[in-house]
N, C-alpha and C. Protein backbone atom coordinates (compact mmCIF):
# COMPACT_ATOMS: atom_id res chain seq x y z
N UNK A 1 13.63 21.11 30.70
CA UNK A 1 13.69 21.12 29.24
C UNK A 1 14.04 19.73 28.69
N UNK A 2 15.04 19.08 29.33
CA UNK A 2 15.47 17.77 28.84
C UNK A 2 14.35 16.74 29.00
N UNK A 3 13.52 16.88 30.04
CA UNK A 3 12.43 15.93 30.25
C UNK A 3 11.30 16.16 29.26
N UNK A 4 11.11 17.39 28.83
CA UNK A 4 10.00 17.68 27.92
C UNK A 4 10.30 17.24 26.49
N UNK A 5 11.56 17.09 26.13
CA UNK A 5 11.91 16.66 24.78
C UNK A 5 11.42 15.25 24.47
N UNK A 6 11.66 14.25 25.35
CA UNK A 6 11.11 12.91 25.07
C UNK A 6 9.58 12.91 25.03
N UNK A 7 8.96 13.68 25.89
CA UNK A 7 7.50 13.76 25.90
C UNK A 7 7.00 14.34 24.59
N UNK A 8 7.67 15.37 24.10
CA UNK A 8 7.30 15.96 22.82
C UNK A 8 7.47 14.95 21.69
N UNK A 9 8.59 14.21 21.70
CA UNK A 9 8.83 13.21 20.65
C UNK A 9 7.76 12.12 20.68
N UNK A 10 7.41 11.65 21.87
CA UNK A 10 6.37 10.62 21.99
C UNK A 10 5.03 11.17 21.52
N UNK A 11 4.72 12.40 21.86
CA UNK A 11 3.46 13.01 21.43
C UNK A 11 3.39 13.14 19.92
N UNK A 12 4.48 13.57 19.31
CA UNK A 12 4.51 13.69 17.85
C UNK A 12 4.36 12.33 17.19
N UNK A 13 5.04 11.30 17.72
CA UNK A 13 4.93 9.96 17.16
C UNK A 13 3.51 9.44 17.30
N UNK A 14 2.90 9.63 18.46
CA UNK A 14 1.52 9.18 18.67
C UNK A 14 0.58 9.89 17.71
N UNK A 15 0.81 11.17 17.49
CA UNK A 15 -0.03 11.91 16.54
C UNK A 15 0.13 11.38 15.13
N UNK A 16 1.35 11.08 14.74
CA UNK A 16 1.61 10.52 13.41
C UNK A 16 0.96 9.16 13.27
N UNK A 17 1.10 8.31 14.29
CA UNK A 17 0.48 6.97 14.26
C UNK A 17 -1.03 7.09 14.13
N UNK A 18 -1.61 7.98 14.91
CA UNK A 18 -3.05 8.17 14.84
C UNK A 18 -3.47 8.68 13.47
N UNK A 19 -2.65 9.54 12.89
CA UNK A 19 -2.95 10.10 11.57
C UNK A 19 -2.92 9.01 10.50
N UNK A 20 -1.91 8.14 10.51
CA UNK A 20 -1.83 7.07 9.51
C UNK A 20 -2.97 6.07 9.70
N UNK A 21 -3.31 5.78 10.96
CA UNK A 21 -4.40 4.85 11.23
C UNK A 21 -5.71 5.46 10.74
N UNK A 22 -5.91 6.75 10.99
CA UNK A 22 -7.12 7.43 10.52
C UNK A 22 -7.16 7.46 9.00
N UNK A 23 -5.99 7.66 8.36
CA UNK A 23 -5.93 7.63 6.89
C UNK A 23 -6.39 6.28 6.36
N UNK A 24 -5.94 5.20 6.98
CA UNK A 24 -6.34 3.86 6.53
C UNK A 24 -7.84 3.68 6.70
N UNK A 25 -8.38 4.13 7.83
CA UNK A 25 -9.82 4.01 8.08
C UNK A 25 -10.63 4.81 7.07
N UNK A 26 -10.07 5.92 6.60
CA UNK A 26 -10.79 6.80 5.68
C UNK A 26 -10.78 6.28 4.24
N UNK A 27 -9.88 5.38 3.92
CA UNK A 27 -9.80 4.87 2.55
C UNK A 27 -10.94 3.89 2.28
N UNK A 28 -11.48 3.91 1.07
CA UNK A 28 -12.56 2.96 0.72
C UNK A 28 -12.00 1.56 0.50
N UNK A 29 -12.88 0.57 0.47
CA UNK A 29 -12.47 -0.81 0.18
C UNK A 29 -12.10 -0.98 -1.29
N UNK A 30 -12.75 -0.18 -2.16
CA UNK A 30 -12.49 -0.25 -3.60
C UNK A 30 -12.33 1.17 -4.13
N UNK A 31 -11.42 1.33 -5.07
CA UNK A 31 -11.23 2.65 -5.68
C UNK A 31 -10.92 2.48 -7.16
N UNK A 32 -11.51 3.33 -7.97
CA UNK A 32 -11.19 3.38 -9.39
C UNK A 32 -10.35 4.63 -9.60
N UNK A 33 -9.12 4.43 -10.07
CA UNK A 33 -8.19 5.54 -10.24
C UNK A 33 -8.67 6.47 -11.34
N UNK A 34 -8.52 7.76 -11.08
CA UNK A 34 -8.79 8.77 -12.11
C UNK A 34 -7.47 9.15 -12.76
N UNK A 35 -7.55 9.56 -14.00
CA UNK A 35 -6.36 10.03 -14.71
C UNK A 35 -6.20 11.51 -14.39
N UNK A 36 -5.07 11.87 -13.74
CA UNK A 36 -4.80 13.26 -13.41
C UNK A 36 -4.47 14.06 -14.66
N UNK A 37 -4.38 15.38 -14.51
CA UNK A 37 -4.13 16.26 -15.65
C UNK A 37 -2.80 15.97 -16.34
N UNK A 38 -1.86 15.36 -15.62
CA UNK A 38 -0.57 15.01 -16.24
C UNK A 38 -0.58 13.62 -16.88
N UNK A 39 -1.76 12.99 -16.93
CA UNK A 39 -1.88 11.70 -17.60
C UNK A 39 -1.49 10.49 -16.77
N UNK A 40 -1.39 10.66 -15.45
CA UNK A 40 -0.99 9.57 -14.56
C UNK A 40 -2.15 9.23 -13.62
N UNK A 41 -2.35 7.92 -13.42
CA UNK A 41 -3.33 7.44 -12.45
C UNK A 41 -2.61 7.29 -11.10
N UNK A 42 -3.15 7.91 -10.04
CA UNK A 42 -2.50 7.84 -8.73
C UNK A 42 -3.46 7.26 -7.70
N UNK A 43 -2.91 6.36 -6.87
CA UNK A 43 -3.71 5.72 -5.82
C UNK A 43 -2.87 5.60 -4.56
N UNK A 44 -3.51 5.85 -3.42
CA UNK A 44 -2.89 5.69 -2.11
C UNK A 44 -3.37 4.38 -1.49
N UNK A 45 -2.42 3.57 -0.99
CA UNK A 45 -2.74 2.30 -0.34
C UNK A 45 -2.02 2.26 1.01
N UNK A 46 -2.73 1.79 2.03
CA UNK A 46 -2.12 1.62 3.36
C UNK A 46 -2.21 0.14 3.72
N UNK A 47 -1.09 -0.41 4.20
CA UNK A 47 -1.06 -1.79 4.66
C UNK A 47 -0.77 -1.82 6.14
N UNK A 48 -1.38 -2.77 6.83
CA UNK A 48 -1.17 -2.85 8.27
C UNK A 48 -1.41 -4.25 8.78
N UNK A 49 -1.94 -4.34 9.97
CA UNK A 49 -2.13 -5.61 10.66
C UNK A 49 -2.99 -6.57 9.84
N UNK A 50 -2.37 -7.16 8.83
CA UNK A 50 -2.98 -8.16 7.95
C UNK A 50 -4.10 -7.60 7.10
N UNK A 51 -3.92 -6.37 6.60
CA UNK A 51 -4.88 -5.78 5.67
C UNK A 51 -4.16 -4.86 4.71
N UNK A 52 -4.79 -4.64 3.57
CA UNK A 52 -4.47 -3.54 2.67
C UNK A 52 -5.76 -2.79 2.45
N UNK A 53 -5.67 -1.48 2.40
CA UNK A 53 -6.85 -0.68 2.13
C UNK A 53 -6.46 0.41 1.16
N UNK A 54 -7.13 0.56 0.03
CA UNK A 54 -8.24 -0.27 -0.42
C UNK A 54 -7.77 -1.68 -0.80
N UNK A 55 -8.73 -2.59 -0.80
CA UNK A 55 -8.46 -3.98 -1.16
C UNK A 55 -8.63 -4.24 -2.64
N UNK A 56 -9.27 -3.34 -3.33
CA UNK A 56 -9.55 -3.51 -4.76
C UNK A 56 -9.27 -2.17 -5.44
N UNK A 57 -8.31 -2.17 -6.35
CA UNK A 57 -7.92 -0.96 -7.08
C UNK A 57 -8.13 -1.22 -8.57
N UNK A 58 -8.82 -0.29 -9.23
CA UNK A 58 -9.08 -0.42 -10.67
C UNK A 58 -8.30 0.66 -11.40
N UNK A 59 -7.49 0.25 -12.39
CA UNK A 59 -6.72 1.18 -13.22
C UNK A 59 -6.92 0.82 -14.68
N UNK A 60 -6.56 1.77 -15.56
CA UNK A 60 -6.69 1.54 -17.00
C UNK A 60 -5.37 1.08 -17.61
N UNK A 61 -5.48 0.15 -18.52
CA UNK A 61 -4.32 -0.37 -19.24
C UNK A 61 -3.72 0.71 -20.14
N UNK A 62 -2.39 0.71 -20.25
CA UNK A 62 -1.71 1.63 -21.16
C UNK A 62 -1.53 3.03 -20.63
N UNK A 63 -1.99 3.30 -19.41
CA UNK A 63 -1.86 4.64 -18.81
C UNK A 63 -0.98 4.50 -17.56
N UNK A 64 0.05 5.35 -17.41
CA UNK A 64 0.95 5.22 -16.26
C UNK A 64 0.20 5.26 -14.92
N UNK A 65 0.72 4.46 -13.99
CA UNK A 65 0.15 4.36 -12.64
C UNK A 65 1.23 4.70 -11.63
N UNK A 66 0.86 5.46 -10.60
CA UNK A 66 1.72 5.68 -9.45
C UNK A 66 0.94 5.25 -8.21
N UNK A 67 1.47 4.24 -7.51
CA UNK A 67 0.90 3.83 -6.24
C UNK A 67 1.76 4.43 -5.14
N UNK A 68 1.12 4.98 -4.13
CA UNK A 68 1.82 5.47 -2.95
C UNK A 68 1.40 4.55 -1.82
N UNK A 69 2.31 3.65 -1.42
CA UNK A 69 1.97 2.60 -0.46
C UNK A 69 2.73 2.84 0.84
N UNK A 70 1.99 2.88 1.95
CA UNK A 70 2.59 3.09 3.27
C UNK A 70 2.14 1.99 4.22
N UNK A 71 2.92 1.81 5.27
CA UNK A 71 2.61 0.84 6.33
C UNK A 71 2.03 1.60 7.51
N UNK A 72 0.95 1.09 8.08
CA UNK A 72 0.42 1.71 9.28
C UNK A 72 1.40 1.47 10.43
N UNK A 73 1.32 2.26 11.49
CA UNK A 73 2.28 2.16 12.59
C UNK A 73 2.32 0.76 13.20
N UNK A 74 3.49 0.39 13.67
CA UNK A 74 3.67 -0.89 14.33
C UNK A 74 5.06 -1.43 14.04
N UNK A 75 5.42 -2.48 14.75
CA UNK A 75 6.77 -3.02 14.60
C UNK A 75 6.83 -4.19 13.63
N UNK A 76 5.68 -4.70 13.23
CA UNK A 76 5.65 -5.85 12.32
C UNK A 76 6.02 -5.38 10.91
N UNK A 77 7.02 -6.00 10.28
CA UNK A 77 7.41 -5.60 8.93
C UNK A 77 6.39 -6.07 7.89
N UNK A 78 6.22 -5.27 6.85
CA UNK A 78 5.31 -5.61 5.76
C UNK A 78 5.96 -5.30 4.42
N UNK A 79 5.48 -5.98 3.39
CA UNK A 79 5.96 -5.75 2.02
C UNK A 79 4.75 -5.53 1.12
N UNK A 80 5.03 -5.08 -0.09
CA UNK A 80 3.99 -4.91 -1.11
C UNK A 80 4.50 -5.56 -2.38
N UNK A 81 3.80 -6.60 -2.84
CA UNK A 81 4.25 -7.39 -3.99
C UNK A 81 3.14 -7.48 -5.02
N UNK A 82 3.49 -7.21 -6.28
CA UNK A 82 2.63 -7.55 -7.42
C UNK A 82 3.55 -8.28 -8.40
N UNK A 83 3.25 -9.54 -8.64
CA UNK A 83 4.10 -10.36 -9.51
C UNK A 83 3.34 -10.64 -10.81
N UNK A 84 3.37 -9.67 -11.72
CA UNK A 84 2.65 -9.81 -12.99
C UNK A 84 3.50 -9.24 -14.13
N UNK A 85 4.69 -9.81 -14.37
CA UNK A 85 5.55 -9.28 -15.43
C UNK A 85 4.89 -9.36 -16.80
N UNK A 86 3.97 -10.31 -16.99
CA UNK A 86 3.26 -10.42 -18.27
C UNK A 86 2.39 -9.20 -18.54
N UNK A 87 2.10 -8.42 -17.49
CA UNK A 87 1.29 -7.21 -17.64
C UNK A 87 2.12 -5.95 -17.43
N UNK A 88 3.44 -6.10 -17.38
CA UNK A 88 4.32 -4.94 -17.17
C UNK A 88 4.38 -4.47 -15.73
N UNK A 89 4.04 -5.38 -14.78
CA UNK A 89 4.01 -5.01 -13.36
C UNK A 89 4.85 -6.02 -12.58
N UNK A 90 5.96 -5.56 -12.04
CA UNK A 90 6.81 -6.40 -11.20
C UNK A 90 7.26 -5.55 -10.01
N UNK A 91 6.61 -5.75 -8.88
CA UNK A 91 6.84 -4.92 -7.69
C UNK A 91 7.15 -5.83 -6.51
N UNK A 92 8.17 -5.47 -5.74
CA UNK A 92 8.48 -6.16 -4.48
C UNK A 92 9.18 -5.14 -3.59
N UNK A 93 8.42 -4.48 -2.73
CA UNK A 93 8.93 -3.37 -1.91
C UNK A 93 8.73 -3.63 -0.43
N UNK A 94 9.75 -3.28 0.37
CA UNK A 94 9.61 -3.25 1.82
C UNK A 94 8.86 -1.97 2.16
N UNK A 95 7.91 -2.05 3.09
CA UNK A 95 7.14 -0.87 3.46
C UNK A 95 7.65 -0.27 4.76
N UNK A 96 7.59 1.05 4.82
CA UNK A 96 7.94 1.78 6.02
C UNK A 96 6.85 2.79 6.31
N UNK A 97 7.09 3.66 7.26
CA UNK A 97 6.11 4.68 7.61
C UNK A 97 5.90 5.70 6.51
N UNK A 98 6.96 6.00 5.78
CA UNK A 98 6.84 6.93 4.66
C UNK A 98 6.32 6.19 3.44
N UNK A 99 5.38 6.79 2.72
CA UNK A 99 4.84 6.11 1.53
C UNK A 99 5.93 5.84 0.48
N UNK A 100 5.87 4.66 -0.11
CA UNK A 100 6.74 4.29 -1.22
C UNK A 100 6.03 4.64 -2.51
N UNK A 101 6.74 5.28 -3.42
CA UNK A 101 6.18 5.59 -4.74
C UNK A 101 6.54 4.44 -5.66
N UNK A 102 5.51 3.80 -6.21
CA UNK A 102 5.70 2.67 -7.11
C UNK A 102 5.07 3.04 -8.45
N UNK A 103 5.88 3.07 -9.50
CA UNK A 103 5.39 3.50 -10.81
C UNK A 103 5.51 2.38 -11.83
N UNK A 104 4.49 2.25 -12.66
CA UNK A 104 4.49 1.26 -13.74
C UNK A 104 3.39 1.64 -14.72
N UNK A 105 3.43 1.04 -15.89
CA UNK A 105 2.36 1.19 -16.88
C UNK A 105 1.85 -0.20 -17.22
N UNK A 106 0.63 -0.53 -16.76
CA UNK A 106 0.10 -1.86 -17.05
C UNK A 106 -0.18 -2.03 -18.54
N UNK A 107 0.17 -3.20 -19.06
CA UNK A 107 0.03 -3.42 -20.50
C UNK A 107 -1.09 -4.38 -20.87
N UNK A 108 -1.56 -5.16 -19.91
CA UNK A 108 -2.54 -6.20 -20.20
C UNK A 108 -3.67 -6.18 -19.18
N UNK A 109 -4.91 -6.17 -19.67
CA UNK A 109 -6.06 -6.20 -18.78
C UNK A 109 -6.10 -7.52 -18.01
N UNK A 110 -6.61 -7.47 -16.79
CA UNK A 110 -6.74 -8.67 -15.96
C UNK A 110 -6.77 -8.30 -14.49
N UNK A 111 -6.92 -9.31 -13.66
CA UNK A 111 -6.90 -9.13 -12.20
C UNK A 111 -5.58 -9.66 -11.67
N UNK A 112 -4.85 -8.81 -10.96
CA UNK A 112 -3.53 -9.16 -10.45
C UNK A 112 -3.50 -8.94 -8.94
N UNK A 113 -3.21 -9.99 -8.18
CA UNK A 113 -3.19 -9.84 -6.73
C UNK A 113 -1.99 -9.01 -6.27
N UNK A 114 -2.21 -8.21 -5.23
CA UNK A 114 -1.09 -7.61 -4.50
C UNK A 114 -1.18 -8.15 -3.09
N UNK A 115 -0.01 -8.32 -2.47
CA UNK A 115 0.00 -9.01 -1.19
C UNK A 115 1.28 -8.69 -0.42
N UNK A 116 1.29 -9.11 0.84
CA UNK A 116 2.47 -9.00 1.69
C UNK A 116 3.09 -10.39 1.79
N UNK A 117 4.39 -10.49 1.52
CA UNK A 117 5.08 -11.78 1.57
C UNK A 117 5.75 -12.02 2.93
N UNK A 118 5.63 -11.06 3.86
CA UNK A 118 6.30 -11.20 5.16
C UNK A 118 5.76 -12.39 5.95
N UNK A 119 6.63 -12.92 6.79
CA UNK A 119 6.26 -14.06 7.64
C UNK A 119 7.06 -13.93 8.94
N UNK A 120 6.41 -14.21 10.04
CA UNK A 120 7.08 -14.18 11.34
C UNK A 120 7.26 -15.61 11.84
N UNK A 121 8.49 -15.99 12.01
CA UNK A 121 8.87 -17.30 12.53
C UNK A 121 8.07 -18.44 11.91
N UNK A 122 7.33 -19.19 12.71
CA UNK A 122 6.63 -20.37 12.22
C UNK A 122 5.16 -20.10 11.90
N UNK A 123 4.74 -18.84 11.98
CA UNK A 123 3.35 -18.49 11.72
C UNK A 123 3.07 -18.48 10.22
N UNK A 124 1.80 -18.44 9.86
CA UNK A 124 1.41 -18.28 8.46
C UNK A 124 1.97 -16.97 7.94
N UNK A 125 2.24 -16.92 6.62
CA UNK A 125 2.69 -15.64 6.08
C UNK A 125 1.51 -14.67 6.05
N UNK A 126 1.82 -13.41 5.86
CA UNK A 126 0.79 -12.37 5.95
C UNK A 126 -0.28 -12.52 4.87
N UNK A 127 0.12 -12.99 3.71
CA UNK A 127 -0.87 -13.20 2.64
C UNK A 127 -1.87 -14.27 3.07
N UNK A 128 -1.38 -15.34 3.67
CA UNK A 128 -2.27 -16.40 4.14
C UNK A 128 -3.19 -15.91 5.26
N UNK A 129 -2.80 -14.84 5.92
CA UNK A 129 -3.62 -14.27 6.99
C UNK A 129 -4.54 -13.16 6.48
N UNK A 130 -4.60 -12.99 5.16
CA UNK A 130 -5.55 -12.06 4.56
C UNK A 130 -4.99 -10.74 4.09
N UNK A 131 -3.68 -10.58 4.11
CA UNK A 131 -3.09 -9.31 3.69
C UNK A 131 -2.85 -9.33 2.18
N UNK A 132 -3.94 -9.17 1.44
CA UNK A 132 -3.86 -9.12 -0.02
C UNK A 132 -5.02 -8.32 -0.57
N UNK A 133 -4.86 -7.93 -1.81
CA UNK A 133 -5.89 -7.20 -2.53
C UNK A 133 -5.78 -7.51 -4.01
N UNK A 134 -6.58 -6.80 -4.81
CA UNK A 134 -6.59 -7.05 -6.25
C UNK A 134 -6.40 -5.74 -7.01
N UNK A 135 -5.44 -5.74 -7.93
CA UNK A 135 -5.29 -4.66 -8.89
C UNK A 135 -5.99 -5.13 -10.15
N UNK A 136 -7.07 -4.46 -10.49
CA UNK A 136 -7.83 -4.81 -11.69
C UNK A 136 -7.45 -3.83 -12.78
N UNK A 137 -6.89 -4.36 -13.86
CA UNK A 137 -6.51 -3.53 -15.01
C UNK A 137 -7.59 -3.72 -16.07
N UNK A 138 -8.21 -2.60 -16.45
CA UNK A 138 -9.28 -2.64 -17.45
C UNK A 138 -8.80 -1.97 -18.74
N UNK A 139 -9.40 -2.36 -19.89
CA UNK A 139 -8.99 -1.77 -21.17
C UNK A 139 -9.30 -0.27 -21.24
């Protein structure tokens, strides 16, 4: 019994990792958020080995947005940053396996980059390695 517990834990973790990786693969490169019945635009984003998926998210200005951002399995730390206070968007979150709920209401149309600010030792930061996308706010 004691030997089967670690095997079960490893199996569950592997299944979860495979599930998150499959979720990232299933997401499109670009998505236009729909307004749900409660008036909120919701989008799921997965970040991983120097990628965000989707890479291009389109939302409407003046309508609340909820992003659910998760990190794909692995030991490398990742963050999710949108630095656009002029548009009512100021986000800087550490990512984990569980999705982070990020809520804001964009106020100004435009293209705003989202990216990972993490860096390992002397290597390029993750944004420089391609871990970024665009939040496009339309009127």
